Amino acid sequence: MKGKRFPPYLHFIPKLLLFHLLSLCNFFHRKKRFQICCIGAGYVGGPTMAVIALKCPDIEVAVIDISVPRITAWNSDQLPIYEPGLDDVVKSCRGKNLFFSTDVKKHVSEADIIFVSVNTPTKTRGLGAGKAADLTYWESAARMIADVSKSDKIVVEKSTVPVKTAKAIEKILTHNSKGVKYQILSNPEFLAEGTAIEDLFAPDRVLIGGRETPDGERAIKALKDVYAHWVPEERILCTNLWSAELSKLAANAFLAQRISSVNAMSALCEATGADVAQVSHAVGKDTRIGHKFLNASVGFGGSCFQKDILNLVYICECNGLPEVANYWKQVIKVNDYQKNRFVNKIVSSMFNTVSGKKIAILGFAFKKDTGDTRETPAIDVCKGLLGDKANLSIYDPQVTEEQIQRDLSMNKFDWDHPVHLQPMSPSAVKQVSVVWDAYEAAKGAHGLCILTEWDEFKNLDYKKIYDNMPKPAFVFDGRNVVEPNKLREIGFIVYSIGKPLDSWLKDMPLSHALHSITATDLLVIASNDIIFFGVSDNAIKIKPTKTQEGSKTQTDMASEATN
């Protein structure tokens, strides 16, 4: 009727129902939202999950780790790793559909897909020590997943693992399943540090390996659908589990092999007067070979190459393939040889001793545009110089003093364990100072070593550096960053990997004798009167002479090579 008013509760009830309906919709929306979590907030897990979150706003992504300091850093303005472009990606998604947390069990329990990106260090003791991968952290993660899961899961191998690891993980999960079904996938990463975000945005390929069963195929499709948000379908490759696991090891072995090949040629170039840059350019013009990974250097580093090749060697040996194992061993041997050869060139050029001399180290990371120092050649070069009692002044724009001191004091392979299992307070190396300016590092230095190809090292004022160094002033370029002839015009004595030798270096008797030394056999035995560099059937004998103060730190330049 006109003018009649409805009771107030009739207006209130529809609003109340609407409120509850909306609440229920939101509840079911949250419950149905696809969830991914990644165990391990390191160089692989962090950037990979950040890009998935950016490209898949409808998916909730959680990166989990038991390290409180690491997760705290991911939630701060100072991320725990440096990678160009990573900061912007994280900040655009963090708190929306990207979360970093130490609540491991909660996120594992809720996730539909669980990526596992934990350390797989090389074993240091027991069966396979020095070669085999240690799967302790992987096994621990698998047992935790089985313990907390209440719904079916897809578990994805993101770490680099030995072939057949998935089979072992399957057994752990199924024997502790409590009725939960698991599908194991292999989805190896092919990221290059320094360009990881670019690689994730536009990958050459995404590789997914799974069981060739109906459930396995469904799991593969589920992960493929995630990547299909931004990766063209033709770049998503699907294989069986074992092919995917082996492909990662094979890819890293092939890349490392190319580096060792060009580094082996660099030694021959120095001996013959050829220029390795020109040789590499000519070889790379062959379309069957290509130009990538043909830059000679002091050696390869990073967390993967050496570890994965050693793992590959062990797998070959376990499968009765010693000839194949020996083939891949040579890649590591040449890399070690290149680092030792570089140290020998420094010492022999500077009157056969660097004892008490300041050597400036420019660059400590294993490559530019990253702060990663794992297996960096700088560690071995620095330790070689420290062994001859040099004083080192180190500068790297992205590596902290704490990290440098830690690297120089740790044992081999310790770096690949979680931080809380590494030496808590590594003893500082007294002969090492870390500075935050290249000019400060070089001030008063007898020699300058370039060990990382940071762009800023190309544009330094080398005349200014030269004027503040004792003479003769040396530059040892382990990355072929500088123009040797321009530096020689300034007055430097320059050694560049694989380049025609400076006349000074040609005249050094020891530098000729050292061509016969191989890195795998190098042994230094010092006595009061003679130093022997013993190499199989060859030895270089150097007779030291006393200085005016009576010390035996300097050696007579008339060295004698004997067989």
Protein backbone atom coordinates (compact mmCIF):
# COMPACT_ATOMS: atom_id res chain seq x y z
CA MET A 1 0.00 0.00 0.00
CA LYS A 2 1.04 3.50 -0.75
CA GLY A 3 2.82 5.12 2.15
CA LYS A 4 3.11 1.89 4.15
CA ARG A 5 6.58 1.21 5.51
CA PHE A 6 8.14 -2.26 5.82
CA PRO A 7 9.29 -3.35 9.26
CA PRO A 8 12.99 -2.58 9.81
CA TYR A 9 13.98 -6.24 10.15
CA LEU A 10 12.81 -6.90 6.56
CA HIS A 11 15.44 -4.46 5.38
CA PHE A 12 18.06 -5.92 7.72
CA ILE A 13 17.61 -9.62 6.83
CA PRO A 14 18.54 -9.35 3.13
CA LYS A 15 21.67 -7.43 4.06
CA LEU A 16 22.63 -10.05 6.62
CA LEU A 17 22.08 -12.86 4.12
CA LEU A 18 24.10 -10.98 1.54
CA PHE A 19 26.92 -10.53 4.03
CA HIS A 20 27.01 -14.27 4.81
CA LEU A 21 26.85 -15.20 1.15
CA LEU A 22 29.78 -12.94 0.36
CA SER A 23 31.72 -14.36 3.30
CA LEU A 24 31.08 -17.89 2.09
CA CYS A 25 32.17 -16.95 -1.44
CA ASN A 26 35.37 -15.43 -0.13
CA PHE A 27 35.97 -18.49 2.04
CA PHE A 28 35.60 -20.92 -0.85
CA HIS A 29 37.66 -18.66 -3.10
CA ARG A 30 40.50 -18.76 -0.60
CA LYS A 31 40.21 -22.48 -0.13
CA LYS A 32 40.29 -23.17 -3.86
CA ARG A 33 43.19 -20.88 -4.66
CA PHE A 34 46.05 -22.94 -6.08
CA GLN A 35 49.02 -22.94 -3.74
CA ILE A 36 52.71 -23.54 -4.39
CA CYS A 37 55.48 -23.63 -1.84
CA CYS A 38 59.23 -23.96 -2.24
CA ILE A 39 61.45 -25.49 0.42
CA GLY A 40 64.71 -23.54 0.28
CA ALA A 41 65.07 -19.75 0.00
CA GLY A 42 68.38 -19.68 -1.84
CA TYR A 43 69.71 -18.63 -5.24
CA VAL A 44 67.26 -20.92 -7.07
CA GLY A 45 64.17 -21.00 -4.88
CA GLY A 46 63.87 -17.27 -4.21
CA PRO A 47 64.11 -15.89 -7.77
CA THR A 48 62.15 -18.77 -9.34
CA MET A 49 59.20 -18.43 -6.98
CA ALA A 50 59.24 -14.65 -7.25
CA VAL A 51 58.85 -14.84 -11.03
CA ILE A 52 56.12 -17.50 -10.78
CA ALA A 53 54.25 -15.20 -8.38
CA LEU A 54 54.66 -12.25 -10.75
CA LYS A 55 53.49 -14.17 -13.81
CA CYS A 56 50.72 -16.11 -12.02
CA PRO A 57 48.81 -13.61 -9.84
CA ASP A 58 46.05 -16.19 -9.32
CA ILE A 59 48.49 -18.58 -7.58
CA GLU A 60 49.64 -18.16 -3.99
CA VAL A 61 53.38 -18.77 -3.67
CA ALA A 62 55.29 -19.31 -0.43
CA VAL A 63 59.06 -19.59 -0.06
CA ILE A 64 59.95 -21.38 3.16
CA ASP A 65 63.19 -21.95 5.00
CA ILE A 66 64.26 -22.84 8.55
CA SER A 67 66.84 -20.03 8.51
CA VAL A 68 65.28 -17.07 10.33
CA PRO A 69 67.95 -14.55 9.19
CA ARG A 70 67.49 -15.56 5.55
CA ILE A 71 63.70 -15.25 5.63
CA THR A 72 64.00 -11.95 7.51
CA ALA A 73 66.25 -10.67 4.73
CA TRP A 74 63.75 -11.75 2.04
CA ASN A 75 61.09 -9.74 3.89
CA SER A 76 63.33 -6.66 4.14
CA ASP A 77 64.57 -4.01 1.72
CA GLN A 78 67.99 -5.73 1.59
CA LEU A 79 67.48 -9.11 -0.11
CA PRO A 80 69.91 -11.90 0.86
CA ILE A 81 71.15 -12.33 -2.71
CA TYR A 82 72.03 -9.89 -5.47
CA GLU A 83 70.53 -10.47 -8.88
CA PRO A 84 69.72 -7.73 -11.41
CA GLY A 85 65.96 -7.17 -11.55
CA LEU A 86 65.15 -9.41 -8.57
CA ASP A 87 64.44 -6.54 -6.19
CA ASP A 88 61.68 -5.11 -8.38
CA VAL A 89 60.04 -8.51 -8.91
CA VAL A 90 59.98 -9.34 -5.21
CA LYS A 91 58.67 -5.96 -4.10
CA SER A 92 55.86 -6.01 -6.66
CA CYS A 93 54.49 -9.36 -5.38
CA ARG A 94 55.55 -9.65 -1.76
CA GLY A 95 52.59 -9.58 0.62
CA LYS A 96 50.11 -10.07 -2.26
CA ASN A 97 50.62 -13.60 -3.57
CA LEU A 98 54.30 -14.06 -2.64
CA PHE A 99 55.24 -14.85 0.95
CA PHE A 100 58.48 -15.72 2.72
CA SER A 101 58.06 -17.73 5.89
CA THR A 102 59.71 -20.01 8.45
CA ASP A 103 56.39 -21.77 9.10
CA VAL A 104 57.50 -24.73 7.02
CA LYS A 105 54.90 -27.28 8.12
CA LYS A 106 51.92 -24.97 7.55
CA HIS A 107 52.81 -24.12 3.96
CA VAL A 108 53.83 -27.66 3.04
CA SER A 109 50.54 -28.97 4.42
CA GLU A 110 48.49 -26.47 2.40
CA ALA A 111 50.43 -26.59 -0.89
CA ASP A 112 49.27 -28.36 -4.05
CA ILE A 113 52.77 -28.33 -5.56
CA ILE A 114 55.92 -28.45 -3.44
CA PHE A 115 59.22 -27.44 -5.01
CA VAL A 116 62.29 -28.73 -3.18
CA SER A 117 65.35 -26.55 -3.68
CA VAL A 118 67.69 -27.61 -0.90
CA ASN A 119 71.46 -28.04 -0.88
CA THR A 120 72.93 -31.19 -2.42
CA PRO A 121 76.59 -30.77 -1.42
CA THR A 122 79.42 -33.07 -2.42
CA LYS A 123 80.04 -35.75 0.21
CA THR A 124 83.17 -35.14 2.24
CA ARG A 125 83.35 -38.57 3.88
CA GLY A 126 82.13 -42.12 3.47
CA LEU A 127 81.13 -43.84 0.24
CA GLY A 128 81.66 -41.55 -2.74
CA ALA A 129 83.47 -38.87 -0.74
CA GLY A 130 84.74 -36.05 -2.95
CA LYS A 131 82.40 -36.93 -5.83
CA ALA A 132 78.94 -38.18 -4.87
CA ALA A 133 76.10 -35.82 -3.95
CA ASP A 134 75.04 -35.77 -0.32
CA LEU A 135 71.24 -36.13 -0.27
CA THR A 136 70.86 -35.67 3.49
CA TYR A 137 68.87 -32.44 3.16
CA TRP A 138 66.70 -33.87 0.40
CA GLU A 139 65.85 -36.92 2.48
CA SER A 140 65.06 -34.72 5.47
CA ALA A 141 62.72 -32.60 3.34
CA ALA A 142 60.96 -35.69 1.97
CA ARG A 143 60.36 -37.09 5.45
CA MET A 144 58.98 -33.76 6.63
CA ILE A 145 56.62 -33.59 3.63
CA ALA A 146 55.33 -37.10 4.40
CA ASP A 147 54.90 -36.22 8.05
CA VAL A 148 52.73 -33.10 7.61
CA SER A 149 50.81 -33.78 4.37
CA LYS A 150 47.11 -34.53 4.61
CA SER A 151 46.22 -34.18 0.91
CA ASP A 152 47.73 -35.40 -2.36
CA LYS A 153 50.89 -33.56 -3.42
CA ILE A 154 53.06 -33.00 -6.46
CA VAL A 155 56.69 -32.88 -5.29
CA VAL A 156 59.10 -31.21 -7.70
CA GLU A 157 62.87 -31.70 -7.74
CA LYS A 158 64.32 -28.24 -8.30
CA SER A 159 67.75 -28.98 -6.84
CA THR A 160 70.32 -30.61 -9.09
CA VAL A 161 70.27 -34.26 -8.10
CA PRO A 162 71.81 -37.55 -9.28
CA VAL A 163 69.88 -39.74 -11.71
CA LYS A 164 67.35 -41.97 -9.92
CA THR A 165 66.99 -39.63 -6.94
CA ALA A 166 63.27 -39.45 -7.65
CA LYS A 167 63.01 -43.20 -7.09
CA ALA A 168 64.55 -42.87 -3.61
CA ILE A 169 62.29 -39.94 -2.75
CA GLU A 170 59.26 -41.91 -3.95
CA LYS A 171 60.12 -44.74 -1.59
CA ILE A 172 60.41 -42.42 1.41
CA LEU A 173 57.10 -40.71 0.64
CA THR A 174 55.11 -43.86 -0.17
CA HIS A 175 56.35 -45.75 2.89
CA ASN A 176 55.21 -42.86 5.09
CA SER A 177 52.18 -41.79 3.06
CA LYS A 178 49.28 -42.28 5.52
CA GLY A 179 47.00 -42.61 2.51
CA VAL A 180 48.32 -39.50 0.76
CA LYS A 181 49.31 -39.92 -2.91
CA TYR A 182 52.48 -38.29 -4.26
CA GLN A 183 53.76 -37.64 -7.75
CA ILE A 184 57.44 -36.80 -8.19
CA LEU A 185 58.51 -34.49 -11.00
CA SER A 186 61.94 -33.32 -12.09
CA ASN A 187 62.06 -29.67 -13.11
CA PRO A 188 65.76 -28.70 -13.18
CA GLU A 189 66.76 -25.05 -13.30
CA PHE A 190 68.94 -23.70 -16.11
CA LEU A 191 69.62 -20.25 -14.69
CA ALA A 192 72.81 -18.28 -15.13
CA GLU A 193 73.58 -16.04 -12.18
CA GLY A 194 73.68 -12.41 -13.20
CA THR A 195 70.92 -13.02 -15.77
CA ALA A 196 68.62 -15.27 -13.70
CA ILE A 197 65.57 -12.99 -13.93
CA GLU A 198 66.00 -12.63 -17.70
CA ASP A 199 66.39 -16.41 -17.96
CA LEU A 200 63.18 -16.94 -15.98
CA PHE A 201 61.24 -14.38 -18.02
CA ALA A 202 62.32 -15.87 -21.36
CA PRO A 203 63.77 -19.37 -20.84
CA ASP A 204 65.37 -21.33 -23.67
CA ARG A 205 63.38 -24.28 -22.37
CA VAL A 206 61.48 -25.49 -19.34
CA LEU A 207 62.10 -29.18 -18.71
CA ILE A 208 59.56 -31.30 -16.84
CA GLY A 209 60.13 -34.99 -16.25
CA GLY A 210 57.63 -37.36 -14.70
CA ARG A 211 56.34 -40.89 -14.58
CA GLU A 212 54.81 -42.20 -17.81
CA THR A 213 51.55 -43.14 -16.09
CA PRO A 214 48.09 -41.49 -16.07
CA ASP A 215 48.79 -39.92 -12.65
CA GLY A 216 52.27 -38.90 -13.79
CA GLU A 217 50.90 -37.28 -16.93
CA ARG A 218 48.34 -35.33 -14.90
CA ALA A 219 51.08 -34.08 -12.60
CA ILE A 220 53.18 -33.00 -15.57
CA LYS A 221 50.20 -31.12 -17.00
CA ALA A 222 49.56 -29.36 -13.69
CA LEU A 223 53.11 -27.99 -13.58
CA LYS A 224 53.09 -27.26 -17.31
CA ASP A 225 49.95 -25.15 -16.82
CA VAL A 226 51.82 -23.01 -14.28
CA TYR A 227 54.65 -22.22 -16.69
CA ALA A 228 52.21 -21.80 -19.59
CA HIS A 229 51.13 -18.49 -18.01
CA TRP A 230 54.13 -16.92 -19.75
CA VAL A 231 56.29 -19.57 -21.46
CA PRO A 232 55.38 -20.60 -25.05
CA GLU A 233 54.21 -24.22 -25.19
CA GLU A 234 56.92 -25.24 -27.65
CA ARG A 235 59.55 -24.31 -25.06
CA ILE A 236 58.09 -26.58 -22.38
CA LEU A 237 59.69 -29.99 -22.85
CA CYS A 238 58.22 -33.07 -21.20
CA THR A 239 60.31 -36.21 -20.68
CA ASN A 240 60.56 -39.18 -18.37
CA LEU A 241 62.05 -38.65 -14.92
CA TRP A 242 65.50 -40.03 -15.61
CA SER A 243 66.03 -38.00 -18.79
CA ALA A 244 65.17 -34.78 -16.95
CA GLU A 245 67.50 -35.57 -14.05
CA LEU A 246 70.41 -36.46 -16.34
CA SER A 247 69.82 -33.51 -18.68
CA LYS A 248 70.74 -31.02 -15.95
CA LEU A 249 74.06 -32.76 -15.20
CA ALA A 250 74.79 -33.11 -18.92
CA ALA A 251 74.07 -29.43 -19.63
CA ASN A 252 76.44 -28.21 -16.93
CA ALA A 253 79.12 -30.72 -17.98
CA PHE A 254 78.94 -29.53 -21.60
CA LEU A 255 79.20 -25.86 -20.58
CA ALA A 256 82.15 -26.50 -18.27
CA GLN A 257 83.80 -28.55 -20.99
CA ARG A 258 83.71 -25.59 -23.37
CA ILE A 259 85.35 -23.35 -20.77
CA SER A 260 88.09 -25.88 -20.07
CA SER A 261 88.61 -26.35 -23.81
CA VAL A 262 89.21 -22.66 -24.47
CA ASN A 263 91.33 -22.37 -21.33
CA ALA A 264 93.50 -25.24 -22.54
CA MET A 265 93.90 -23.36 -25.83
CA SER A 266 94.85 -20.21 -23.91
CA ALA A 267 97.97 -21.94 -22.55
CA LEU A 268 98.94 -22.97 -26.07
CA CYS A 269 98.28 -19.45 -27.36
CA GLU A 270 100.70 -18.01 -24.80
CA ALA A 271 103.34 -20.54 -25.79
CA THR A 272 103.02 -19.82 -29.52
CA GLY A 273 102.23 -16.09 -29.59
CA ALA A 274 98.64 -16.56 -30.74
CA ASP A 275 95.79 -14.50 -29.27
CA VAL A 276 93.08 -16.64 -27.66
CA ALA A 277 90.44 -13.95 -28.32
CA GLN A 278 91.15 -14.12 -32.04
CA VAL A 279 91.21 -17.93 -32.00
CA SER A 280 87.90 -18.05 -30.09
CA HIS A 281 86.31 -15.59 -32.50
CA ALA A 282 87.40 -17.64 -35.50
CA VAL A 283 86.22 -20.91 -33.93
CA GLY A 284 82.92 -19.41 -32.78
CA LYS A 285 82.07 -18.30 -36.32
CA ASP A 286 81.48 -21.95 -37.12
CA THR A 287 77.70 -22.26 -36.70
CA ARG A 288 78.15 -25.82 -35.46
CA ILE A 289 80.13 -24.47 -32.51
CA GLY A 290 78.85 -20.96 -31.83
CA HIS A 291 80.47 -18.17 -29.83
CA LYS A 292 79.05 -18.68 -26.33
CA PHE A 293 81.26 -19.89 -23.47
CA LEU A 294 84.45 -19.40 -25.47
CA ASN A 295 85.99 -16.65 -23.33
CA ALA A 296 89.30 -17.69 -21.78
CA SER A 297 89.63 -16.95 -18.08
CA VAL A 298 91.31 -17.91 -14.85
CA GLY A 299 88.79 -20.76 -14.58
CA PHE A 300 85.12 -21.51 -14.04
CA GLY A 301 83.37 -21.32 -10.69
CA GLY A 302 79.88 -21.24 -9.25
CA SER A 303 77.85 -23.74 -7.30
CA CYS A 304 77.11 -26.17 -10.13
CA PHE A 305 79.84 -26.93 -12.65
CA GLN A 306 82.45 -28.70 -10.54
CA LYS A 307 79.92 -30.31 -8.20
CA ASP A 308 77.80 -31.64 -11.05
CA ILE A 309 80.76 -32.99 -13.02
CA LEU A 310 82.09 -34.78 -9.94
CA ASN A 311 78.62 -36.22 -9.45
CA LEU A 312 78.55 -37.29 -13.10
CA VAL A 313 81.95 -38.95 -12.69
CA TYR A 314 80.70 -40.89 -9.68
CA ILE A 315 77.55 -42.03 -11.51
CA CYS A 316 79.69 -43.23 -14.45
CA GLU A 317 81.99 -45.14 -12.11
CA CYS A 318 79.04 -46.75 -10.32
CA ASN A 319 77.61 -47.86 -13.66
CA GLY A 320 80.87 -49.48 -14.80
CA LEU A 321 81.90 -46.71 -17.22
CA PRO A 322 85.46 -45.79 -16.14
CA GLU A 323 86.45 -44.43 -19.56
CA VAL A 324 83.51 -42.02 -19.54
CA ALA A 325 84.30 -41.04 -15.96
CA ASN A 326 87.94 -40.30 -16.84
CA TYR A 327 86.84 -38.16 -19.78
CA TRP A 328 84.81 -35.85 -17.54
CA LYS A 329 87.51 -35.79 -14.86
CA GLN A 330 89.76 -34.01 -17.33
CA VAL A 331 87.40 -31.02 -17.41
CA ILE A 332 88.03 -30.50 -13.69
CA LYS A 333 91.77 -31.14 -14.04
CA VAL A 334 92.15 -28.47 -16.73
CA ASN A 335 90.21 -26.00 -14.59
CA ASP A 336 92.51 -26.65 -11.63
CA TYR A 337 95.52 -26.38 -13.95
CA GLN A 338 94.37 -22.97 -15.19
CA LYS A 339 94.09 -21.57 -11.66
CA ASN A 340 97.48 -22.95 -10.62
CA ARG A 341 99.05 -21.66 -13.84
CA PHE A 342 97.74 -18.18 -13.09
CA VAL A 343 99.22 -18.18 -9.58
CA ASN A 344 102.54 -19.50 -10.90
CA LYS A 345 102.64 -16.72 -13.50
CA ILE A 346 102.15 -14.08 -10.78
CA VAL A 347 104.87 -15.47 -8.53
CA SER A 348 107.38 -16.14 -11.30
CA SER A 349 106.89 -12.67 -12.82
CA MET A 350 107.51 -10.91 -9.52
CA PHE A 351 111.02 -12.26 -8.98
CA ASN A 352 109.80 -15.70 -7.87
CA THR A 353 108.30 -14.41 -4.63
CA VAL A 354 105.37 -12.39 -3.42
CA SER A 355 106.31 -12.76 0.23
CA GLY A 356 105.47 -9.56 2.09
CA LYS A 357 104.21 -7.87 -1.08
CA LYS A 358 100.80 -6.28 -1.36
CA ILE A 359 98.68 -7.79 -4.13
CA ALA A 360 95.40 -6.09 -5.04
CA ILE A 361 92.54 -8.46 -5.89
CA LEU A 362 89.82 -6.87 -8.01
CA GLY A 363 86.75 -9.07 -7.92
CA PHE A 364 85.96 -12.03 -5.71
CA ALA A 365 82.57 -13.26 -7.00
CA PHE A 366 82.76 -16.10 -9.50
CA LYS A 367 81.28 -13.86 -12.22
CA LYS A 368 79.98 -10.33 -12.62
CA ASP A 369 76.49 -9.20 -11.62
CA THR A 370 76.27 -11.58 -8.68
CA GLY A 371 77.50 -11.70 -5.10
CA ASP A 372 77.89 -15.49 -5.25
CA THR A 373 81.36 -16.73 -4.27
CA ARG A 374 80.73 -20.47 -4.31
CA GLU A 375 83.69 -22.24 -5.95
CA THR A 376 84.94 -18.90 -7.27
CA PRO A 377 88.45 -19.16 -8.80
CA ALA A 378 89.39 -16.22 -6.57
CA ILE A 379 89.47 -18.53 -3.56
CA ASP A 380 92.15 -20.79 -5.02
CA VAL A 381 94.14 -17.88 -6.45
CA CYS A 382 94.08 -16.04 -3.12
CA LYS A 383 95.01 -19.15 -1.18
CA GLY A 384 97.89 -19.78 -3.59
CA LEU A 385 99.21 -16.25 -3.05
CA LEU A 386 98.68 -16.45 0.70
CA GLY A 387 100.67 -19.67 0.67
CA ASP A 388 103.60 -17.61 -0.65
CA LYS A 389 102.99 -15.09 2.17
CA ALA A 390 101.52 -12.30 0.06
CA ASN A 391 99.42 -9.55 1.65
CA LEU A 392 96.08 -9.27 -0.15
CA SER A 393 93.83 -6.23 -0.49
CA ILE A 394 90.49 -7.36 -1.92
CA TYR A 395 87.70 -5.35 -3.50
CA ASP A 396 84.41 -6.65 -4.92
CA PRO A 397 81.33 -4.41 -5.27
CA GLN A 398 78.91 -7.14 -4.12
CA VAL A 399 80.82 -9.43 -1.72
CA THR A 400 81.13 -8.60 1.97
CA GLU A 401 84.25 -8.85 4.08
CA GLU A 402 82.58 -11.49 6.23
CA GLN A 403 81.93 -13.67 3.18
CA ILE A 404 85.47 -13.28 1.85
CA GLN A 405 87.02 -14.17 5.19
CA ARG A 406 84.64 -17.11 5.53
CA ASP A 407 85.54 -18.43 2.06
CA LEU A 408 89.28 -18.17 2.66
CA SER A 409 89.08 -19.98 5.99
CA MET A 410 86.65 -22.79 5.12
CA ASN A 411 87.55 -26.28 3.94
CA LYS A 412 86.61 -27.41 0.47
CA PHE A 413 82.90 -28.27 0.03
CA ASP A 414 81.93 -26.66 3.39
CA TRP A 415 80.36 -23.77 1.47
CA ASP A 416 77.54 -25.95 0.14
CA HIS A 417 76.05 -26.71 3.54
CA PRO A 418 73.43 -24.41 5.12
CA VAL A 419 74.97 -21.41 6.86
CA HIS A 420 74.02 -22.65 10.32
CA LEU A 421 76.11 -25.79 9.68
CA GLN A 422 79.17 -23.88 8.46
CA PRO A 423 81.90 -22.67 10.84
CA MET A 424 80.15 -20.04 12.96
CA SER A 425 83.13 -17.77 13.51
CA PRO A 426 85.71 -18.40 10.82
CA SER A 427 89.13 -17.18 11.82
CA ALA A 428 90.12 -14.03 9.95
CA VAL A 429 93.06 -14.37 7.61
CA LYS A 430 95.52 -11.79 8.90
CA GLN A 431 97.18 -11.27 5.51
CA VAL A 432 93.85 -10.20 3.98
CA SER A 433 92.18 -6.80 4.07
CA VAL A 434 88.87 -6.07 2.36
CA VAL A 435 88.20 -2.57 1.06
CA TRP A 436 85.30 -0.90 -0.72
CA ASP A 437 87.18 0.96 -3.43
CA ALA A 438 89.32 -0.34 -6.29
CA TYR A 439 91.78 2.54 -5.95
CA GLU A 440 92.24 1.86 -2.25
CA ALA A 441 92.88 -1.81 -2.99
CA ALA A 442 95.51 -0.94 -5.59
CA LYS A 443 97.24 1.80 -3.59
CA GLY A 444 100.78 0.69 -2.80
CA ALA A 445 100.26 -2.73 -4.40
CA HIS A 446 103.09 -4.43 -6.27
CA GLY A 447 100.62 -6.28 -8.47
CA LEU A 448 96.99 -6.05 -9.52
CA CYS A 449 94.91 -9.20 -10.19
CA ILE A 450 91.56 -8.96 -11.97
CA LEU A 451 89.54 -12.05 -11.05
CA THR A 452 85.95 -10.98 -11.83
CA GLU A 453 84.84 -9.25 -15.03
CA TRP A 454 82.91 -6.41 -13.37
CA ASP A 455 82.23 -3.67 -15.93
CA GLU A 456 83.66 -0.98 -13.66
CA PHE A 457 87.12 -2.52 -13.96
CA LYS A 458 87.18 -1.63 -17.65
CA ASN A 459 86.83 2.05 -16.89
CA LEU A 460 89.23 2.57 -14.00
CA ASP A 461 91.82 5.33 -14.18
CA TYR A 462 94.80 3.01 -14.58
CA LYS A 463 97.22 5.93 -14.87
CA LYS A 464 96.16 7.01 -11.38
CA ILE A 465 96.56 3.43 -10.15
CA TYR A 466 100.00 3.13 -11.76
CA ASP A 467 101.22 6.33 -10.13
CA ASN A 468 100.40 4.90 -6.69
CA MET A 469 102.12 1.53 -7.13
CA PRO A 470 105.78 0.53 -6.56
CA LYS A 471 107.68 -0.10 -9.79
CA PRO A 472 107.74 -2.31 -11.72
CA ALA A 473 103.96 -2.41 -11.51
CA PHE A 474 102.18 -5.56 -12.64
CA VAL A 475 98.66 -6.28 -13.89
CA PHE A 476 97.49 -9.90 -14.09
CA ASP A 477 94.20 -9.98 -15.95
CA GLY A 478 92.39 -13.25 -15.33
CA ARG A 479 89.29 -12.17 -17.26
CA ASN A 480 90.75 -10.28 -20.23
CA VAL A 481 88.99 -7.12 -19.11
CA VAL A 482 91.70 -4.55 -19.91
CA GLU A 483 93.48 -3.57 -23.12
CA PRO A 484 97.05 -4.87 -22.55
CA ASN A 485 98.73 -2.47 -24.98
CA LYS A 486 97.10 0.60 -23.44
CA LEU A 487 98.30 -0.43 -19.99
CA ARG A 488 101.79 -1.13 -21.32
CA GLU A 489 101.88 2.41 -22.69
CA ILE A 490 101.21 3.64 -19.16
CA GLY A 491 104.11 1.56 -17.89
CA PHE A 492 102.50 -1.62 -16.55
CA ILE A 493 103.88 -5.09 -17.10
CA VAL A 494 100.75 -6.94 -18.20
CA TYR A 495 99.79 -10.59 -18.26
CA SER A 496 96.44 -11.42 -19.88
CA ILE A 497 95.17 -14.98 -20.17
CA GLY A 498 95.91 -16.42 -23.61
CA LYS A 499 97.39 -13.18 -25.02
CA PRO A 500 100.89 -12.72 -26.50
CA LEU A 501 103.28 -12.40 -23.57
CA ASP A 502 104.82 -9.16 -22.41
CA SER A 503 108.55 -9.06 -23.23
CA TRP A 504 109.28 -9.01 -19.48
CA LEU A 505 107.41 -12.28 -19.03
CA LYS A 506 109.20 -13.89 -21.95
CA ASP A 507 112.52 -13.24 -20.27
CA MET A 508 111.58 -14.92 -16.99
CA PRO A 509 113.33 -18.31 -16.89
CA LEU A 510 110.81 -19.85 -14.51
CA SER A 511 107.85 -18.95 -16.70
CA HIS A 512 109.23 -21.15 -19.49
CA ALA A 513 109.96 -24.03 -17.15
CA LEU A 514 106.46 -23.93 -15.67
CA HIS A 515 104.88 -24.87 -19.01
CA SER A 516 105.70 -28.50 -18.22
CA ILE A 517 103.85 -28.45 -14.88
CA THR A 518 100.37 -29.92 -14.69
CA ALA A 519 97.93 -28.83 -12.02
CA THR A 520 97.06 -32.33 -10.93
CA ASP A 521 100.65 -33.22 -10.04
CA LEU A 522 101.84 -29.88 -8.66
CA LEU A 523 103.65 -30.30 -5.39
CA VAL A 524 105.75 -27.72 -3.61
CA ILE A 525 108.36 -28.93 -1.15
CA ALA A 526 110.40 -26.26 0.64
CA SER A 527 113.61 -26.82 2.56
CA ASN A 528 116.19 -24.38 3.90
CA ASP A 529 118.32 -24.48 0.77
CA ILE A 530 116.21 -25.61 -2.18
CA ILE A 531 112.63 -25.30 -3.36
CA PHE A 532 111.44 -28.10 -5.63
CA PHE A 533 108.37 -27.88 -7.80
CA GLY A 534 107.99 -31.63 -8.24
CA VAL A 535 106.02 -32.83 -11.23
CA SER A 536 106.03 -36.55 -11.96
CA ASP A 537 109.38 -37.11 -13.67
CA ASN A 538 110.18 -33.40 -13.98
CA ALA A 539 111.31 -30.88 -11.41
CA ILE A 540 112.31 -27.24 -11.39
CA LYS A 541 115.04 -26.56 -8.89
CA ILE A 542 115.49 -23.01 -7.64
CA LYS A 543 118.46 -22.01 -5.53
CA PRO A 544 117.55 -19.05 -3.29
CA THR A 545 120.07 -16.38 -2.41
CA LYS A 546 120.27 -14.52 0.86
CA THR A 547 119.31 -10.88 0.93
CA GLN A 548 121.40 -8.27 2.74
CA GLU A 549 119.41 -9.02 5.88
CA GLY A 550 120.22 -12.71 5.52
CA SER A 551 116.67 -13.85 4.68
CA LYS A 552 115.95 -16.50 2.06
CA THR A 553 112.69 -15.10 0.78
CA GLN A 554 114.10 -13.91 -2.55
CA THR A 555 115.49 -16.30 -5.12
CA ASP A 556 118.22 -16.01 -7.68
CA MET A 557 116.73 -15.35 -11.09
CA ALA A 558 119.24 -17.73 -12.68
CA SER A 559 116.94 -20.73 -12.22
CA GLU A 560 117.87 -24.17 -13.37
CA ALA A 561 115.42 -26.59 -14.97
CA THR A 562 116.33 -30.25 -14.53
CA ASN A 563 114.73 -33.51 -15.61
